[in-house]
Every structure is written in structure tokens, then in C-alpha cells.
Amino acid sequence: MAVMLSTIDLMRDAPVIPVIVLNDVQEAVPLARALVQGGIRVLEVTLRTPAALECITRIANEVPEALIGAGTVRSARDAEAAAKAGAKFAVSPGFTVAVAEACRDQGVPLLPGVSTPSEIMQAQEAGFGEMKFFPAQQSGGVPMLKAWQGPFADVRFCPTGGVSTANAKEYLALANVVCVGGSWLTPADAVAAGDWARITALAQDAKRLA
């Protein structure tokens, strides 16, 4: 698989990467279309449900405008399955060399998760300069990212976990934050009701956070 975009390109595409949990394959395509219509096209479908891989495949095949990725990639097997399903990028909750190598073997950009200086250093040693700060709020939030600006001035982050409309702007104002990850763009009640107009409106609001 050819890598069309780098991780930093994906992060710069919009201020928010929606963290999506799907239980019903039938919801995948209309949800993706609603987000794309609202200006959000980099989509992370987490591998937390049995339907996730098929949802990724459906979106990859039927919503070509979307840049679909797999989240919660925790093993080499996850990375291989995600790439086979059509994922254009991967996001992991933590960092391991095995996941990093599997993603490289599959030609899939990886946004690895970190929450400590040691994890940042390990990811940097493996060649990564862009990382997911997770779980952001629980791991120190904005003050932690400010503290990292000194020793890790060359690293760019996507904080995820506890990020919401209430604090997203505070994160995005930081020099070392390129985008944030959040689940508020796809509320479970809106997805269950098929309220795609609401999701498009949430995506439009998120796009304006830039």
C-alpha cells in the first residue's frame, strides 16, 4: 500500500480527529459522509467493536473523500488487519516497537500514544516526531504539554482523552499541539437516531476551531 500522506499531513488536515466507536456496520457510511460534509475527513474508527474492521472497509470503499484510519491498534495483528481492511493510518493508545514495525511493514502511518517522557523518548528513537498524548486530561492536560515544550520542542502532539468543546481551544492554542482527538463529534444518541445533520453541524463547529 502506498502512503499518500504523512502523519503530520493527517494531523494538519483539520483541528479535530473524531474518535469513532461503531457497533453497526450500516451506520458507517452515512456517519462518514456526514463528517466529510462538515469538513472533517480524517476519521479514526477504533478497533473496540466486532464491527470496526468492516466499518473501515465500507468507508474506504464508499466514501473516497474520507481518510479513514484505525484507532486502538494494540498489536501487530491489529495493524495488519487494519491495513487489510483499508485503513490509511493507525492510532495506538501506547507505543511498542512491534506495532511501529508492523505499521511500517504495511505502509500505514502510525500516530503512537504516549503519556510520559520515557515513552516520548522511545517513540523518538523509533523515528516518530508526531504522537498522541493519551489520556490527555488524566495525564496532566495542558500544563503537561506546556512542560514538554522545553525538553521535547521538536515533538508535535494530538491530545486525546477528556478533550471536549470546553477545552479544545486551550489545547489547540499550544505551539506543540497540531490537532486534538475527540468523541464529541459522534455522540452515541445521534448515531443511533441517524441524526446525520447534527453530526455534520458538530463537524462544522469543530472545523472552525482552527
N, C-alpha and C. Protein backbone atom coordinates (compact mmCIF):
# COMPACT_ATOMS: atom_id res chain seq x y z
N MET A 1 0.85 -1.19 0.00
CA MET A 1 0.00 0.00 0.00
C MET A 1 0.89 1.25 0.00
N ALA A 2 0.60 2.19 -0.85
CA ALA A 2 1.37 3.42 -0.89
C ALA A 2 0.88 4.38 0.18
N VAL A 3 1.82 5.02 0.86
CA VAL A 3 1.47 6.01 1.86
C VAL A 3 1.24 7.34 1.15
N MET A 4 0.00 7.81 1.15
CA MET A 4 -0.35 9.03 0.44
C MET A 4 -0.04 10.28 1.25
N LEU A 5 -0.19 10.19 2.58
CA LEU A 5 0.02 11.34 3.44
C LEU A 5 0.90 10.94 4.61
N SER A 6 1.69 11.87 5.10
CA SER A 6 2.46 11.63 6.31
C SER A 6 1.57 11.86 7.52
N THR A 7 2.06 11.45 8.69
CA THR A 7 1.28 11.65 9.91
C THR A 7 1.01 13.13 10.15
N ILE A 8 2.00 13.97 9.92
CA ILE A 8 1.80 15.41 10.16
C ILE A 8 0.78 15.98 9.18
N ASP A 9 0.75 15.49 7.96
CA ASP A 9 -0.27 15.93 6.99
C ASP A 9 -1.66 15.59 7.49
N LEU A 10 -1.82 14.38 8.00
CA LEU A 10 -3.11 13.95 8.53
C LEU A 10 -3.53 14.82 9.71
N MET A 11 -2.58 15.14 10.59
CA MET A 11 -2.88 15.95 11.76
C MET A 11 -3.26 17.38 11.38
N ARG A 12 -2.68 17.87 10.31
CA ARG A 12 -2.94 19.26 9.91
C ARG A 12 -4.21 19.42 9.07
N ASP A 13 -4.83 18.31 8.70
CA ASP A 13 -5.98 18.39 7.80
C ASP A 13 -7.16 19.12 8.45
N ALA A 14 -7.34 18.94 9.75
CA ALA A 14 -8.42 19.60 10.48
C ALA A 14 -8.03 19.66 11.95
N PRO A 15 -8.62 20.57 12.71
CA PRO A 15 -8.23 20.70 14.12
C PRO A 15 -8.66 19.55 15.01
N VAL A 16 -9.63 18.75 14.54
CA VAL A 16 -10.12 17.64 15.35
C VAL A 16 -10.17 16.35 14.53
N ILE A 17 -9.63 15.28 15.11
CA ILE A 17 -9.81 13.94 14.54
C ILE A 17 -10.88 13.25 15.38
N PRO A 18 -12.03 12.94 14.78
CA PRO A 18 -13.08 12.27 15.56
C PRO A 18 -12.69 10.85 15.93
N VAL A 19 -12.89 10.51 17.20
CA VAL A 19 -12.64 9.16 17.69
C VAL A 19 -13.99 8.44 17.67
N ILE A 20 -14.12 7.48 16.76
CA ILE A 20 -15.43 6.90 16.43
C ILE A 20 -15.53 5.45 16.90
N VAL A 21 -16.61 5.15 17.61
CA VAL A 21 -16.91 3.78 18.02
C VAL A 21 -18.20 3.36 17.31
N LEU A 22 -18.12 2.32 16.49
CA LEU A 22 -19.28 1.87 15.73
C LEU A 22 -19.61 0.42 16.05
N ASN A 23 -20.88 0.18 16.36
CA ASN A 23 -21.35 -1.18 16.62
C ASN A 23 -22.14 -1.75 15.46
N ASP A 24 -22.62 -0.87 14.58
CA ASP A 24 -23.47 -1.29 13.47
C ASP A 24 -22.83 -0.88 12.15
N VAL A 25 -22.55 -1.85 11.32
CA VAL A 25 -21.90 -1.57 10.03
C VAL A 25 -22.74 -0.63 9.17
N GLN A 26 -24.05 -0.70 9.31
CA GLN A 26 -24.92 0.13 8.49
C GLN A 26 -24.78 1.62 8.80
N GLU A 27 -24.22 1.94 9.95
CA GLU A 27 -24.06 3.35 10.33
C GLU A 27 -22.77 3.97 9.79
N ALA A 28 -21.84 3.13 9.34
CA ALA A 28 -20.51 3.60 9.00
C ALA A 28 -20.50 4.62 7.86
N VAL A 29 -21.11 4.27 6.74
CA VAL A 29 -21.04 5.15 5.57
C VAL A 29 -21.80 6.45 5.77
N PRO A 30 -23.05 6.44 6.26
CA PRO A 30 -23.72 7.72 6.47
C PRO A 30 -23.02 8.59 7.51
N LEU A 31 -22.43 7.99 8.52
CA LEU A 31 -21.69 8.76 9.51
C LEU A 31 -20.48 9.43 8.87
N ALA A 32 -19.72 8.66 8.10
CA ALA A 32 -18.54 9.22 7.43
C ALA A 32 -18.93 10.35 6.48
N ARG A 33 -20.00 10.14 5.75
CA ARG A 33 -20.45 11.19 4.81
C ARG A 33 -20.86 12.45 5.54
N ALA A 34 -21.51 12.29 6.70
CA ALA A 34 -21.93 13.45 7.49
C ALA A 34 -20.72 14.24 7.99
N LEU A 35 -19.69 13.54 8.43
CA LEU A 35 -18.49 14.21 8.91
C LEU A 35 -17.75 14.92 7.78
N VAL A 36 -17.62 14.23 6.65
CA VAL A 36 -16.95 14.84 5.49
C VAL A 36 -17.70 16.07 5.02
N GLN A 37 -19.02 15.99 5.02
CA GLN A 37 -19.83 17.14 4.60
C GLN A 37 -19.59 18.34 5.52
N GLY A 38 -19.28 18.06 6.78
CA GLY A 38 -19.00 19.12 7.73
C GLY A 38 -17.56 19.61 7.70
N GLY A 39 -16.74 19.02 6.82
CA GLY A 39 -15.36 19.49 6.68
C GLY A 39 -14.33 18.67 7.42
N ILE A 40 -14.75 17.57 8.03
CA ILE A 40 -13.83 16.68 8.75
C ILE A 40 -13.69 15.39 7.96
N ARG A 41 -12.51 15.15 7.41
CA ARG A 41 -12.35 13.96 6.56
C ARG A 41 -11.34 12.95 7.09
N VAL A 42 -10.53 13.32 8.09
CA VAL A 42 -9.63 12.35 8.72
C VAL A 42 -10.40 11.70 9.87
N LEU A 43 -10.73 10.43 9.71
CA LEU A 43 -11.64 9.75 10.63
C LEU A 43 -10.95 8.55 11.27
N GLU A 44 -11.04 8.45 12.57
CA GLU A 44 -10.45 7.33 13.30
C GLU A 44 -11.56 6.42 13.83
N VAL A 45 -11.68 5.24 13.25
CA VAL A 45 -12.63 4.24 13.75
C VAL A 45 -11.86 3.30 14.67
N THR A 46 -12.23 3.27 15.93
CA THR A 46 -11.49 2.47 16.90
C THR A 46 -11.81 0.99 16.77
N LEU A 47 -10.80 0.16 17.00
CA LEU A 47 -10.97 -1.29 16.94
C LEU A 47 -11.48 -1.81 18.28
N ARG A 48 -12.59 -1.24 18.72
CA ARG A 48 -13.15 -1.61 20.03
C ARG A 48 -14.41 -2.46 19.90
N THR A 49 -14.88 -2.66 18.69
CA THR A 49 -16.10 -3.44 18.49
C THR A 49 -15.89 -4.47 17.39
N PRO A 50 -16.68 -5.54 17.38
CA PRO A 50 -16.55 -6.55 16.33
C PRO A 50 -16.82 -5.99 14.93
N ALA A 51 -17.56 -4.90 14.85
CA ALA A 51 -17.92 -4.34 13.54
C ALA A 51 -16.87 -3.40 12.97
N ALA A 52 -15.86 -3.05 13.77
CA ALA A 52 -14.94 -1.97 13.40
C ALA A 52 -14.24 -2.18 12.06
N LEU A 53 -13.68 -3.35 11.84
CA LEU A 53 -12.92 -3.58 10.61
C LEU A 53 -13.81 -3.49 9.37
N GLU A 54 -15.01 -4.06 9.46
CA GLU A 54 -15.90 -3.96 8.31
C GLU A 54 -16.36 -2.53 8.09
N CYS A 55 -16.52 -1.77 9.18
CA CYS A 55 -16.87 -0.35 9.05
C CYS A 55 -15.77 0.41 8.31
N ILE A 56 -14.53 0.10 8.64
CA ILE A 56 -13.40 0.74 7.96
C ILE A 56 -13.43 0.41 6.46
N THR A 57 -13.68 -0.85 6.15
CA THR A 57 -13.74 -1.27 4.75
C THR A 57 -14.86 -0.56 4.00
N ARG A 58 -16.02 -0.49 4.62
CA ARG A 58 -17.16 0.18 3.98
C ARG A 58 -16.83 1.64 3.68
N ILE A 59 -16.27 2.32 4.68
CA ILE A 59 -15.94 3.74 4.49
C ILE A 59 -14.86 3.91 3.42
N ALA A 60 -13.84 3.06 3.47
CA ALA A 60 -12.75 3.14 2.48
C ALA A 60 -13.29 2.96 1.06
N ASN A 61 -14.26 2.05 0.89
CA ASN A 61 -14.78 1.74 -0.44
C ASN A 61 -15.85 2.72 -0.92
N GLU A 62 -16.64 3.25 0.02
CA GLU A 62 -17.81 4.02 -0.38
C GLU A 62 -17.72 5.51 -0.12
N VAL A 63 -16.73 5.92 0.67
CA VAL A 63 -16.55 7.36 0.95
C VAL A 63 -15.11 7.72 0.64
N PRO A 64 -14.75 7.79 -0.66
CA PRO A 64 -13.36 8.01 -1.04
C PRO A 64 -12.81 9.35 -0.58
N GLU A 65 -13.69 10.31 -0.28
CA GLU A 65 -13.22 11.63 0.18
C GLU A 65 -12.66 11.55 1.60
N ALA A 66 -13.06 10.53 2.34
CA ALA A 66 -12.60 10.37 3.72
C ALA A 66 -11.21 9.75 3.76
N LEU A 67 -10.44 10.12 4.76
CA LEU A 67 -9.15 9.49 5.04
C LEU A 67 -9.38 8.65 6.29
N ILE A 68 -9.67 7.39 6.07
CA ILE A 68 -10.10 6.52 7.15
C ILE A 68 -8.91 5.83 7.81
N GLY A 69 -8.92 5.84 9.14
CA GLY A 69 -7.86 5.19 9.89
C GLY A 69 -8.42 4.31 10.99
N ALA A 70 -7.56 3.49 11.57
CA ALA A 70 -7.95 2.59 12.65
C ALA A 70 -7.34 3.07 13.96
N GLY A 71 -8.18 3.16 14.98
CA GLY A 71 -7.69 3.51 16.31
C GLY A 71 -7.64 2.28 17.20
N THR A 72 -7.08 2.45 18.39
CA THR A 72 -6.93 1.35 19.35
C THR A 72 -6.17 0.18 18.72
N VAL A 73 -5.13 0.50 17.97
CA VAL A 73 -4.25 -0.53 17.38
C VAL A 73 -3.23 -0.92 18.46
N ARG A 74 -3.34 -2.13 18.96
CA ARG A 74 -2.54 -2.54 20.11
C ARG A 74 -1.53 -3.64 19.81
N SER A 75 -1.55 -4.18 18.60
CA SER A 75 -0.66 -5.29 18.28
C SER A 75 -0.34 -5.29 16.80
N ALA A 76 0.67 -6.07 16.43
CA ALA A 76 1.00 -6.22 15.01
C ALA A 76 -0.18 -6.81 14.25
N ARG A 77 -0.90 -7.71 14.89
CA ARG A 77 -2.07 -8.31 14.25
C ARG A 77 -3.13 -7.25 13.97
N ASP A 78 -3.35 -6.35 14.91
CA ASP A 78 -4.29 -5.25 14.70
C ASP A 78 -3.87 -4.40 13.50
N ALA A 79 -2.57 -4.08 13.44
CA ALA A 79 -2.07 -3.24 12.35
C ALA A 79 -2.28 -3.91 11.00
N GLU A 80 -1.99 -5.20 10.93
CA GLU A 80 -2.17 -5.94 9.68
C GLU A 80 -3.64 -6.00 9.27
N ALA A 81 -4.52 -6.25 10.24
CA ALA A 81 -5.95 -6.33 9.95
C ALA A 81 -6.49 -4.98 9.51
N ALA A 82 -6.02 -3.92 10.15
CA ALA A 82 -6.48 -2.57 9.79
C ALA A 82 -6.06 -2.22 8.37
N ALA A 83 -4.82 -2.52 8.02
CA ALA A 83 -4.35 -2.23 6.67
C ALA A 83 -5.12 -3.04 5.63
N LYS A 84 -5.38 -4.30 5.95
CA LYS A 84 -6.14 -5.16 5.04
C LYS A 84 -7.56 -4.64 4.85
N ALA A 85 -8.12 -4.04 5.92
CA ALA A 85 -9.48 -3.51 5.85
C ALA A 85 -9.56 -2.23 5.04
N GLY A 86 -8.40 -1.58 4.83
CA GLY A 86 -8.41 -0.35 4.05
C GLY A 86 -8.00 0.89 4.81
N ALA A 87 -7.54 0.74 6.05
CA ALA A 87 -7.14 1.90 6.84
C ALA A 87 -5.94 2.60 6.20
N LYS A 88 -6.00 3.92 6.17
CA LYS A 88 -4.91 4.72 5.59
C LYS A 88 -3.91 5.16 6.65
N PHE A 89 -4.28 5.02 7.91
CA PHE A 89 -3.37 5.35 9.01
C PHE A 89 -3.82 4.57 10.24
N ALA A 90 -2.97 4.56 11.27
CA ALA A 90 -3.27 3.85 12.50
C ALA A 90 -2.96 4.74 13.69
N VAL A 91 -3.73 4.54 14.76
CA VAL A 91 -3.52 5.26 16.01
C VAL A 91 -3.48 4.23 17.13
N SER A 92 -2.47 4.31 17.99
CA SER A 92 -2.36 3.35 19.08
C SER A 92 -2.47 4.06 20.42
N PRO A 93 -3.01 3.39 21.44
CA PRO A 93 -3.13 4.03 22.75
C PRO A 93 -1.81 4.17 23.48
N GLY A 94 -0.84 3.36 23.10
CA GLY A 94 0.50 3.41 23.67
C GLY A 94 1.53 3.18 22.58
N PHE A 95 2.78 3.00 22.97
CA PHE A 95 3.83 2.77 21.96
C PHE A 95 4.53 1.45 22.21
N THR A 96 4.65 0.62 21.16
CA THR A 96 5.52 -0.55 21.18
C THR A 96 6.25 -0.62 19.85
N VAL A 97 7.44 -1.17 19.89
CA VAL A 97 8.22 -1.33 18.67
C VAL A 97 7.51 -2.27 17.71
N ALA A 98 6.87 -3.30 18.24
CA ALA A 98 6.18 -4.28 17.39
C ALA A 98 5.08 -3.62 16.57
N VAL A 99 4.28 -2.77 17.19
CA VAL A 99 3.22 -2.07 16.45
C VAL A 99 3.83 -1.12 15.43
N ALA A 100 4.87 -0.40 15.84
CA ALA A 100 5.52 0.54 14.92
C ALA A 100 6.06 -0.18 13.69
N GLU A 101 6.72 -1.31 13.90
CA GLU A 101 7.29 -2.05 12.77
C GLU A 101 6.20 -2.63 11.88
N ALA A 102 5.12 -3.12 12.49
CA ALA A 102 4.03 -3.69 11.70
C ALA A 102 3.39 -2.62 10.82
N CYS A 103 3.20 -1.43 11.37
CA CYS A 103 2.61 -0.35 10.57
C CYS A 103 3.54 0.04 9.42
N ARG A 104 4.82 0.09 9.68
CA ARG A 104 5.77 0.40 8.61
C ARG A 104 5.75 -0.69 7.54
N ASP A 105 5.69 -1.93 7.97
CA ASP A 105 5.64 -3.04 7.01
C ASP A 105 4.39 -2.95 6.13
N GLN A 106 3.30 -2.45 6.70
CA GLN A 106 2.04 -2.34 5.96
C GLN A 106 1.94 -1.02 5.19
N GLY A 107 2.91 -0.13 5.36
CA GLY A 107 2.86 1.17 4.68
C GLY A 107 1.78 2.07 5.24
N VAL A 108 1.51 1.95 6.54
CA VAL A 108 0.45 2.73 7.19
C VAL A 108 1.08 3.68 8.21
N PRO A 109 0.90 4.99 8.05
CA PRO A 109 1.44 5.93 9.05
C PRO A 109 0.83 5.65 10.43
N LEU A 110 1.64 5.75 11.46
CA LEU A 110 1.19 5.49 12.82
C LEU A 110 1.31 6.75 13.67
N LEU A 111 0.24 7.02 14.43
CA LEU A 111 0.28 8.05 15.46
C LEU A 111 0.30 7.32 16.80
N PRO A 112 1.49 7.16 17.39
CA PRO A 112 1.58 6.35 18.61
C PRO A 112 1.19 7.14 19.85
N GLY A 113 0.59 6.44 20.81
CA GLY A 113 0.19 7.08 22.05
C GLY A 113 1.32 7.13 23.06
N VAL A 114 1.42 8.26 23.77
CA VAL A 114 2.41 8.43 24.83
C VAL A 114 1.77 9.21 25.98
N SER A 115 2.30 9.00 27.18
CA SER A 115 1.83 9.80 28.31
C SER A 115 2.95 10.14 29.29
N THR A 116 4.19 9.72 28.98
CA THR A 116 5.33 10.01 29.85
C THR A 116 6.54 10.41 29.01
N PRO A 117 7.51 11.10 29.61
CA PRO A 117 8.74 11.44 28.89
C PRO A 117 9.48 10.22 28.34
N SER A 118 9.50 9.14 29.11
CA SER A 118 10.19 7.93 28.65
C SER A 118 9.55 7.38 27.38
N GLU A 119 8.22 7.39 27.33
CA GLU A 119 7.53 6.90 26.13
C GLU A 119 7.80 7.81 24.94
N ILE A 120 7.86 9.10 25.17
CA ILE A 120 8.19 10.04 24.09
C ILE A 120 9.57 9.72 23.55
N MET A 121 10.53 9.51 24.44
CA MET A 121 11.90 9.22 24.01
C MET A 121 11.98 7.90 23.24
N GLN A 122 11.23 6.90 23.70
CA GLN A 122 11.22 5.61 22.99
C GLN A 122 10.63 5.76 21.58
N ALA A 123 9.56 6.54 21.48
CA ALA A 123 8.94 6.76 20.17
C ALA A 123 9.88 7.55 19.26
N GLN A 124 10.57 8.54 19.83
CA GLN A 124 11.53 9.31 19.03
C GLN A 124 12.67 8.43 18.54
N GLU A 125 13.14 7.54 19.39
CA GLU A 125 14.22 6.63 18.98
C GLU A 125 13.78 5.75 17.82
N ALA A 126 12.48 5.50 17.73
CA ALA A 126 11.94 4.68 16.64
C ALA A 126 11.59 5.51 15.41
N GLY A 127 11.88 6.81 15.48
CA GLY A 127 11.69 7.65 14.31
C GLY A 127 10.42 8.47 14.26
N PHE A 128 9.70 8.54 15.38
CA PHE A 128 8.44 9.29 15.39
C PHE A 128 8.62 10.69 15.94
N GLY A 129 8.02 11.66 15.27
CA GLY A 129 8.06 13.04 15.73
C GLY A 129 6.68 13.59 16.05
N GLU A 130 5.64 12.81 15.71
CA GLU A 130 4.26 13.18 16.00
C GLU A 130 3.63 12.06 16.83
N MET A 131 2.95 12.45 17.90
CA MET A 131 2.43 11.46 18.83
C MET A 131 1.07 11.86 19.37
N LYS A 132 0.32 10.86 19.81
CA LYS A 132 -0.94 11.10 20.50
C LYS A 132 -0.65 11.16 22.00
N PHE A 133 -1.09 12.24 22.65
CA PHE A 133 -0.96 12.35 24.10
C PHE A 133 -2.24 11.77 24.70
N PHE A 134 -2.11 10.60 25.34
CA PHE A 134 -3.29 9.88 25.81
C PHE A 134 -3.02 9.15 27.11
N PRO A 135 -3.98 9.17 28.06
CA PRO A 135 -5.19 10.01 28.08
C PRO A 135 -4.83 11.42 28.54
N ALA A 136 -5.11 12.39 27.72
CA ALA A 136 -4.58 13.74 27.90
C ALA A 136 -4.97 14.37 29.24
N GLN A 137 -6.26 14.52 29.47
CA GLN A 137 -6.69 15.20 30.70
C GLN A 137 -6.20 14.47 31.94
N GLN A 138 -6.29 13.16 31.93
CA GLN A 138 -5.91 12.36 33.09
C GLN A 138 -4.40 12.33 33.30
N SER A 139 -3.64 12.68 32.26
CA SER A 139 -2.17 12.61 32.35
C SER A 139 -1.51 13.98 32.52
N GLY A 140 -2.30 14.99 32.83
CA GLY A 140 -1.71 16.30 33.09
C GLY A 140 -2.20 17.40 32.18
N GLY A 141 -2.87 17.03 31.10
CA GLY A 141 -3.52 18.02 30.25
C GLY A 141 -2.62 19.11 29.70
N VAL A 142 -3.16 20.30 29.63
CA VAL A 142 -2.45 21.46 29.07
C VAL A 142 -1.16 21.76 29.84
N PRO A 143 -1.16 21.75 31.18
CA PRO A 143 0.09 22.01 31.89
C PRO A 143 1.21 21.02 31.54
N MET A 144 0.85 19.76 31.35
CA MET A 144 1.87 18.77 30.98
C MET A 144 2.45 19.08 29.61
N LEU A 145 1.59 19.41 28.65
CA LEU A 145 2.08 19.75 27.31
C LEU A 145 2.97 20.99 27.35
N LYS A 146 2.63 21.95 28.17
CA LYS A 146 3.48 23.14 28.31
C LYS A 146 4.84 22.75 28.88
N ALA A 147 4.86 21.84 29.84
CA ALA A 147 6.11 21.40 30.44
C ALA A 147 6.99 20.67 29.43
N TRP A 148 6.35 19.96 28.49
CA TRP A 148 7.11 19.22 27.48
C TRP A 148 7.68 20.12 26.39
N GLN A 149 7.22 21.36 26.30
CA GLN A 149 7.71 22.23 25.23
C GLN A 149 9.20 22.49 25.34
N GLY A 150 9.76 22.39 26.54
CA GLY A 150 11.20 22.58 26.72
C GLY A 150 12.00 21.40 26.22
N PRO A 151 11.90 20.24 26.89
CA PRO A 151 12.74 19.09 26.50
C PRO A 151 12.33 18.44 25.19
N PHE A 152 11.06 18.62 24.78
CA PHE A 152 10.58 17.97 23.56
C PHE A 152 10.01 19.00 22.58
N ALA A 153 10.79 20.05 22.36
CA ALA A 153 10.32 21.15 21.50
C ALA A 153 10.10 20.71 20.06
N ASP A 154 10.71 19.59 19.67
CA ASP A 154 10.60 19.13 18.29
C ASP A 154 9.47 18.12 18.09
N VAL A 155 8.70 17.83 19.12
CA VAL A 155 7.61 16.84 19.03
C VAL A 155 6.27 17.56 18.92
N ARG A 156 5.39 17.03 18.07
CA ARG A 156 4.05 17.59 17.90
C ARG A 156 3.03 16.56 18.38
N PHE A 157 1.98 17.05 19.04
CA PHE A 157 1.04 16.17 19.71
C PHE A 157 -0.39 16.33 19.23
N CYS A 158 -1.15 15.23 19.38
CA CYS A 158 -2.60 15.22 19.23
C CYS A 158 -3.16 14.74 20.56
N PRO A 159 -3.53 15.65 21.47
CA PRO A 159 -4.10 15.23 22.74
C PRO A 159 -5.46 14.57 22.55
N THR A 160 -5.67 13.45 23.20
CA THR A 160 -6.93 12.70 23.12
C THR A 160 -7.23 12.13 24.50
N GLY A 161 -8.49 12.15 24.86
CA GLY A 161 -8.89 11.62 26.16
C GLY A 161 -9.26 12.76 27.09
N GLY A 162 -10.56 12.98 27.25
CA GLY A 162 -11.03 14.09 28.08
C GLY A 162 -11.04 15.42 27.36
N VAL A 163 -10.76 15.42 26.06
CA VAL A 163 -10.80 16.65 25.28
C VAL A 163 -12.25 16.85 24.80
N SER A 164 -12.74 18.08 24.92
CA SER A 164 -14.13 18.37 24.58
C SER A 164 -14.23 19.79 24.03
N THR A 165 -15.44 20.19 23.70
CA THR A 165 -15.64 21.57 23.22
C THR A 165 -15.25 22.58 24.29
N ALA A 166 -15.28 22.17 25.54
CA ALA A 166 -14.98 23.09 26.64
C ALA A 166 -13.49 23.42 26.74
N ASN A 167 -12.63 22.49 26.33
CA ASN A 167 -11.19 22.73 26.50
C ASN A 167 -10.36 22.59 25.22
N ALA A 168 -11.01 22.26 24.10
CA ALA A 168 -10.27 22.02 22.85
C ALA A 168 -9.45 23.24 22.44
N LYS A 169 -10.02 24.44 22.56
CA LYS A 169 -9.30 25.65 22.13
C LYS A 169 -8.05 25.87 22.97
N GLU A 170 -8.12 25.52 24.25
CA GLU A 170 -6.96 25.68 25.12
C GLU A 170 -5.82 24.77 24.67
N TYR A 171 -6.16 23.55 24.29
CA TYR A 171 -5.15 22.64 23.76
C TYR A 171 -4.60 23.14 22.43
N LEU A 172 -5.49 23.52 21.54
CA LEU A 172 -5.08 23.92 20.18
C LEU A 172 -4.25 25.20 20.18
N ALA A 173 -4.32 25.98 21.25
CA ALA A 173 -3.53 27.21 21.34
C ALA A 173 -2.05 26.95 21.61
N LEU A 174 -1.73 25.72 22.02
CA LEU A 174 -0.34 25.38 22.35
C LEU A 174 0.48 25.18 21.08
N ALA A 175 1.73 25.62 21.12
CA ALA A 175 2.61 25.54 19.94
C ALA A 175 2.92 24.10 19.56
N ASN A 176 2.90 23.18 20.53
CA ASN A 176 3.25 21.78 20.23
C ASN A 176 2.03 20.90 19.97
N VAL A 177 0.85 21.50 19.83
CA VAL A 177 -0.37 20.76 19.53
C VAL A 177 -0.83 21.10 18.11
N VAL A 178 -0.98 20.09 17.28
CA VAL A 178 -1.41 20.29 15.89
C VAL A 178 -2.92 20.11 15.76
N CYS A 179 -3.44 19.11 16.48
CA CYS A 179 -4.87 18.82 16.45
C CYS A 179 -5.22 18.11 17.74
N VAL A 180 -6.50 17.88 17.95
CA VAL A 180 -6.94 17.10 19.10
C VAL A 180 -7.81 15.94 18.62
N GLY A 181 -7.96 14.94 19.44
CA GLY A 181 -8.87 13.84 19.14
C GLY A 181 -10.04 13.88 20.10
N GLY A 182 -11.24 13.62 19.59
CA GLY A 182 -12.39 13.69 20.47
C GLY A 182 -13.56 12.89 19.97
N SER A 183 -14.38 12.45 20.92
CA SER A 183 -15.55 11.64 20.57
C SER A 183 -16.83 12.48 20.50
N TRP A 184 -16.72 13.77 20.81
CA TRP A 184 -17.95 14.58 20.87
C TRP A 184 -18.55 14.84 19.50
N LEU A 185 -17.81 14.61 18.42
CA LEU A 185 -18.37 14.82 17.08
C LEU A 185 -19.38 13.74 16.70
N THR A 186 -19.30 12.60 17.38
CA THR A 186 -20.19 11.48 17.02
C THR A 186 -20.90 10.96 18.26
N PRO A 187 -21.77 11.77 18.87
CA PRO A 187 -22.46 11.31 20.08
C PRO A 187 -23.30 10.07 19.80
N ALA A 188 -23.29 9.14 20.74
CA ALA A 188 -23.95 7.85 20.55
C ALA A 188 -25.44 8.00 20.25
N ASP A 189 -26.10 8.98 20.89
CA ASP A 189 -27.54 9.12 20.65
C ASP A 189 -27.82 9.62 19.24
N ALA A 190 -26.95 10.50 18.73
CA ALA A 190 -27.14 11.00 17.36
C ALA A 190 -26.90 9.89 16.34
N VAL A 191 -25.87 9.07 16.58
CA VAL A 191 -25.58 7.97 15.67
C VAL A 191 -26.73 6.97 15.68
N ALA A 192 -27.21 6.62 16.88
CA ALA A 192 -28.30 5.65 16.99
C ALA A 192 -29.58 6.14 16.32
N ALA A 193 -29.79 7.46 16.38
CA ALA A 193 -31.00 8.03 15.78
C ALA A 193 -30.84 8.33 14.30
N GLY A 194 -29.62 8.16 13.78
CA GLY A 194 -29.37 8.51 12.39
C GLY A 194 -29.49 10.00 12.14
N ASP A 195 -29.15 10.79 13.18
CA ASP A 195 -29.25 12.25 13.07
C ASP A 195 -27.96 12.78 12.44
N TRP A 196 -27.83 12.53 11.15
CA TRP A 196 -26.60 12.89 10.44
C TRP A 196 -26.45 14.40 10.30
N ALA A 197 -27.54 15.13 10.26
CA ALA A 197 -27.46 16.60 10.18
C ALA A 197 -26.80 17.17 11.42
N ARG A 198 -27.12 16.59 12.58
CA ARG A 198 -26.49 17.05 13.83
C ARG A 198 -24.98 16.78 13.79
N ILE A 199 -24.60 15.63 13.28
CA ILE A 199 -23.17 15.30 13.21
C ILE A 199 -22.45 16.21 12.22
N THR A 200 -23.09 16.53 11.11
CA THR A 200 -22.49 17.49 10.18
C THR A 200 -22.30 18.84 10.85
N ALA A 201 -23.28 19.28 11.62
CA ALA A 201 -23.17 20.56 12.32
C ALA A 201 -22.05 20.54 13.35
N LEU A 202 -21.90 19.43 14.06
CA LEU A 202 -20.80 19.30 15.03
C LEU A 202 -19.44 19.32 14.32
N ALA A 203 -19.38 18.69 13.16
CA ALA A 203 -18.13 18.71 12.38
C ALA A 203 -17.81 20.12 11.92
N GLN A 204 -18.81 20.86 11.47
CA GLN A 204 -18.60 22.25 11.04
C GLN A 204 -18.09 23.09 12.19
N ASP A 205 -18.66 22.89 13.37
CA ASP A 205 -18.20 23.63 14.56
C ASP A 205 -16.74 23.27 14.88
N ALA A 206 -16.42 21.99 14.77
CA ALA A 206 -15.06 21.54 15.05
C ALA A 206 -14.06 22.12 14.05
N LYS A 207 -14.46 22.17 12.81
CA LYS A 207 -13.60 22.72 11.76
C LYS A 207 -13.24 24.18 12.05
N ARG A 208 -14.19 24.89 12.65
CA ARG A 208 -13.97 26.31 12.94
C ARG A 208 -13.05 26.54 14.13
N LEU A 209 -12.67 25.48 14.82
CA LEU A 209 -11.74 25.63 15.95
C LEU A 209 -10.32 25.96 15.48
N ALA A 210 -10.05 25.79 14.20
CA ALA A 210 -8.70 26.06 13.68
C ALA A 210 -8.31 27.51 13.90
